[in-house]
Amino acid sequence: MSNIKDIRKSCFFCRSADEVASDLLGKIIYRKFDDGTVLHWCITETEAYDNSEAVTYKNNMFCGTGEWCPYNGMLMINCTTEHGNDNVLIRSLDCVKGPYNVAEALKIKEIKREITKQKVIGNEKLWLDDLGLTVEKKHKERIGIVKKDWNKEHLKKKNYQAFSLHFPFAD
């Protein structure tokens, strides 16, 4: 088992989107609202995008390491490897299903300018942390895959889903 606070290390996001997407399951996303309220949710589904997919890269929004990337009504995190830039989409939270619903629950439109290209760890409005939840993972097949070289088979299982959680602080 990895160290409970590995997500706070900058190297956590210096890996392939596959690895980061899988390891984000069970992590906690926090949102601080303008009235001071802080809410949090457990990440239960992610999807990995690697640089072999046909993605339209506008300016350098998809480049960076461990940075928020609100894109087209969804919330992504940038990762970097020696092969290029990868991204992870946050697809679902414990009580919010679907990437557009995640962005709506977190009120991403309200803070888009404040978080775009800003670090995931230590951000004042939106951040991640690890409470040590144990998560069982499974793959869920992706649909609508567009790949530059049309060899789509390795992309089908890049959607990661948590289906059983153990909360270490509850009996």
Protein backbone atom coordinates (compact mmCIF):
# COMPACT_ATOMS: atom_id res chain seq x y z
CA MET A 1 0.00 0.00 0.00
CA SER A 2 1.29 3.43 -0.90
CA ASN A 3 1.94 6.18 1.60
CA ILE A 4 -1.32 7.87 2.62
CA LYS A 5 -0.09 11.33 1.58
CA ASP A 6 1.58 10.41 -1.75
CA ILE A 7 -0.88 12.67 -3.56
CA ARG A 8 0.74 15.69 -1.91
CA LYS A 9 4.07 14.92 -3.59
CA SER A 10 4.57 16.71 -6.90
CA CYS A 11 5.79 13.48 -8.54
CA PHE A 12 2.31 11.94 -8.08
CA PHE A 13 1.26 13.65 -11.34
CA CYS A 14 4.54 12.94 -13.20
CA ARG A 15 3.24 9.60 -14.39
CA SER A 16 1.04 8.27 -17.14
CA ALA A 17 -2.61 9.22 -17.07
CA ASP A 18 -3.43 5.50 -16.61
CA GLU A 19 -1.53 5.37 -13.33
CA VAL A 20 -2.78 8.71 -12.06
CA ALA A 21 -6.41 7.96 -13.02
CA SER A 22 -6.31 4.67 -11.15
CA ASP A 23 -4.61 6.18 -8.09
CA LEU A 24 -7.07 9.11 -7.88
CA LEU A 25 -9.88 6.69 -7.01
CA GLY A 26 -10.72 7.10 -3.34
CA LYS A 27 -9.02 10.48 -3.07
CA ILE A 28 -11.05 13.39 -1.75
CA ILE A 29 -11.84 16.53 -3.73
CA TYR A 30 -12.57 19.65 -1.68
CA ARG A 31 -14.37 22.81 -2.83
CA LYS A 32 -14.39 26.03 -0.83
CA PHE A 33 -17.29 28.28 -1.79
CA ASP A 34 -17.39 32.08 -1.55
CA ASP A 35 -19.43 31.97 1.67
CA GLY A 36 -16.65 29.95 3.35
CA THR A 37 -18.45 26.60 3.17
CA VAL A 38 -16.12 23.68 2.36
CA LEU A 39 -17.65 20.52 0.90
CA HIS A 40 -15.85 17.33 -0.05
CA TRP A 41 -16.54 14.24 -2.13
CA CYS A 42 -14.77 10.96 -2.83
CA ILE A 43 -13.58 10.41 -6.41
CA THR A 44 -15.23 7.20 -7.67
CA GLU A 45 -14.63 7.26 -11.43
CA THR A 46 -11.87 8.66 -13.63
CA GLU A 47 -10.84 8.37 -17.26
CA ALA A 48 -7.32 8.55 -18.67
CA TYR A 49 -6.37 10.34 -21.88
CA ASP A 50 -2.89 9.90 -23.31
CA ASN A 51 -1.10 11.90 -25.97
CA SER A 52 -1.87 9.28 -28.63
CA GLU A 53 -5.50 10.36 -28.74
CA ALA A 54 -6.81 12.93 -31.18
CA VAL A 55 -7.43 15.86 -28.87
CA THR A 56 -7.54 19.47 -29.97
CA TYR A 57 -4.92 21.22 -27.86
CA LYS A 58 -5.79 24.91 -27.50
CA ASN A 59 -2.79 27.00 -26.45
CA ASN A 60 -1.11 25.13 -23.60
CA MET A 61 -4.18 24.39 -21.47
CA PHE A 62 -3.55 20.62 -21.54
CA CYS A 63 0.14 20.95 -20.72
CA GLY A 64 1.50 20.98 -17.21
CA THR A 65 1.89 18.72 -14.24
CA GLY A 66 -0.69 18.42 -11.48
CA GLU A 67 -2.75 21.35 -12.71
CA TRP A 68 -6.50 21.81 -13.03
CA CYS A 69 -7.85 21.87 -16.55
CA PRO A 70 -11.54 22.81 -16.74
CA TYR A 71 -12.48 21.95 -20.30
CA ASN A 72 -15.78 21.98 -22.17
CA GLY A 73 -17.91 21.76 -19.01
CA MET A 74 -15.77 19.02 -17.42
CA LEU A 75 -12.89 18.88 -14.95
CA MET A 76 -9.54 17.39 -15.91
CA ILE A 77 -6.08 17.19 -14.34
CA ASN A 78 -2.90 17.50 -16.37
CA CYS A 79 -0.14 14.89 -16.06
CA THR A 80 3.28 14.84 -17.70
CA THR A 81 5.50 11.97 -18.80
CA GLU A 82 8.58 11.68 -20.95
CA HIS A 83 6.21 10.85 -23.84
CA GLY A 84 4.21 14.07 -23.57
CA ASN A 85 1.13 15.41 -21.86
CA ASP A 86 -1.63 13.20 -20.54
CA ASN A 87 -4.87 14.15 -18.80
CA VAL A 88 -7.28 12.59 -16.34
CA LEU A 89 -10.99 13.33 -16.41
CA ILE A 90 -12.89 13.20 -13.12
CA ARG A 91 -16.04 11.34 -14.22
CA SER A 92 -17.90 10.71 -10.95
CA LEU A 93 -17.88 11.44 -7.24
CA ASP A 94 -19.52 9.38 -4.49
CA CYS A 95 -22.90 11.08 -4.94
CA VAL A 96 -22.47 12.76 -8.34
CA LYS A 97 -22.43 10.66 -11.53
CA GLY A 98 -21.15 11.97 -14.85
CA PRO A 99 -18.40 14.50 -15.68
CA TYR A 100 -20.79 17.38 -16.47
CA ASN A 101 -22.63 16.82 -13.20
CA VAL A 102 -19.31 16.79 -11.33
CA ALA A 103 -18.42 20.20 -12.77
CA GLU A 104 -21.89 21.48 -11.90
CA ALA A 105 -21.78 20.21 -8.29
CA LEU A 106 -18.35 21.79 -7.82
CA LYS A 107 -19.56 25.02 -9.47
CA ILE A 108 -16.52 25.01 -11.75
CA LYS A 109 -17.92 27.80 -13.96
CA GLU A 110 -17.72 30.15 -10.96
CA ILE A 111 -14.00 29.51 -10.42
CA LYS A 112 -12.79 28.49 -13.89
CA ARG A 113 -10.44 31.45 -14.30
CA GLU A 114 -9.10 31.03 -10.77
CA ILE A 115 -8.21 27.34 -11.12
CA THR A 116 -7.19 26.91 -14.78
CA LYS A 117 -3.51 25.96 -14.95
CA GLN A 118 -3.28 26.17 -11.14
CA LYS A 119 -1.90 23.38 -8.95
CA VAL A 120 -4.29 20.68 -7.74
CA ILE A 121 -2.61 20.52 -4.33
CA GLY A 122 -2.77 23.62 -2.17
CA ASN A 123 -5.30 25.54 -4.26
CA GLU A 124 -7.56 27.75 -2.13
CA LYS A 125 -10.82 27.02 -4.00
CA LEU A 126 -10.44 23.42 -5.22
CA TRP A 127 -7.95 20.81 -4.02
CA LEU A 128 -7.32 17.10 -3.51
CA ASP A 129 -6.23 15.13 -0.48
CA ASP A 130 -5.89 11.54 0.64
CA LEU A 131 -7.68 10.27 3.74
CA GLY A 132 -6.47 6.70 3.29
CA LEU A 133 -9.61 5.16 1.81
CA THR A 134 -9.13 1.65 0.47
CA VAL A 135 -10.65 1.28 -2.96
CA GLU A 136 -11.29 -1.74 -5.12
CA LYS A 137 -10.94 -0.82 -8.78
CA LYS A 138 -12.35 -2.09 -12.02
CA HIS A 139 -12.17 -1.07 -15.64
CA LYS A 140 -15.21 0.15 -17.50
CA GLU A 141 -15.07 0.21 -21.30
CA ARG A 142 -14.90 3.59 -22.96
CA ILE A 143 -16.94 4.55 -25.98
CA GLY A 144 -16.41 7.23 -28.63
CA ILE A 145 -12.63 6.84 -28.69
CA VAL A 146 -10.72 8.80 -31.32
CA LYS A 147 -7.08 7.88 -31.72
CA LYS A 148 -4.53 9.39 -34.08
CA ASP A 149 -3.31 6.08 -35.52
CA TRP A 150 -6.75 4.39 -35.40
CA ASN A 151 -5.47 1.53 -33.20
CA LYS A 152 -8.10 1.93 -30.48
CA GLU A 153 -7.88 -1.36 -28.59
CA HIS A 154 -5.51 -0.22 -25.84
CA LEU A 155 -7.73 2.80 -25.12
CA LYS A 156 -10.90 0.87 -24.36
CA LYS A 157 -10.00 0.14 -20.74
CA LYS A 158 -8.87 3.58 -19.59
CA ASN A 159 -12.00 4.32 -17.58
CA TYR A 160 -11.38 3.47 -13.92
CA GLN A 161 -14.15 2.95 -11.42
CA ALA A 162 -14.21 2.41 -7.65
CA PHE A 163 -16.92 0.00 -6.60
CA SER A 164 -16.14 -0.69 -2.96
CA LEU A 165 -14.76 1.68 -0.38
CA HIS A 166 -13.38 1.10 3.11
CA PHE A 167 -13.32 4.15 5.34
CA PRO A 168 -10.46 3.73 7.88
CA PHE A 169 -12.04 6.19 10.32
CA ALA A 170 -15.41 4.41 10.55
CA ASP A 171 -16.28 1.12 12.25
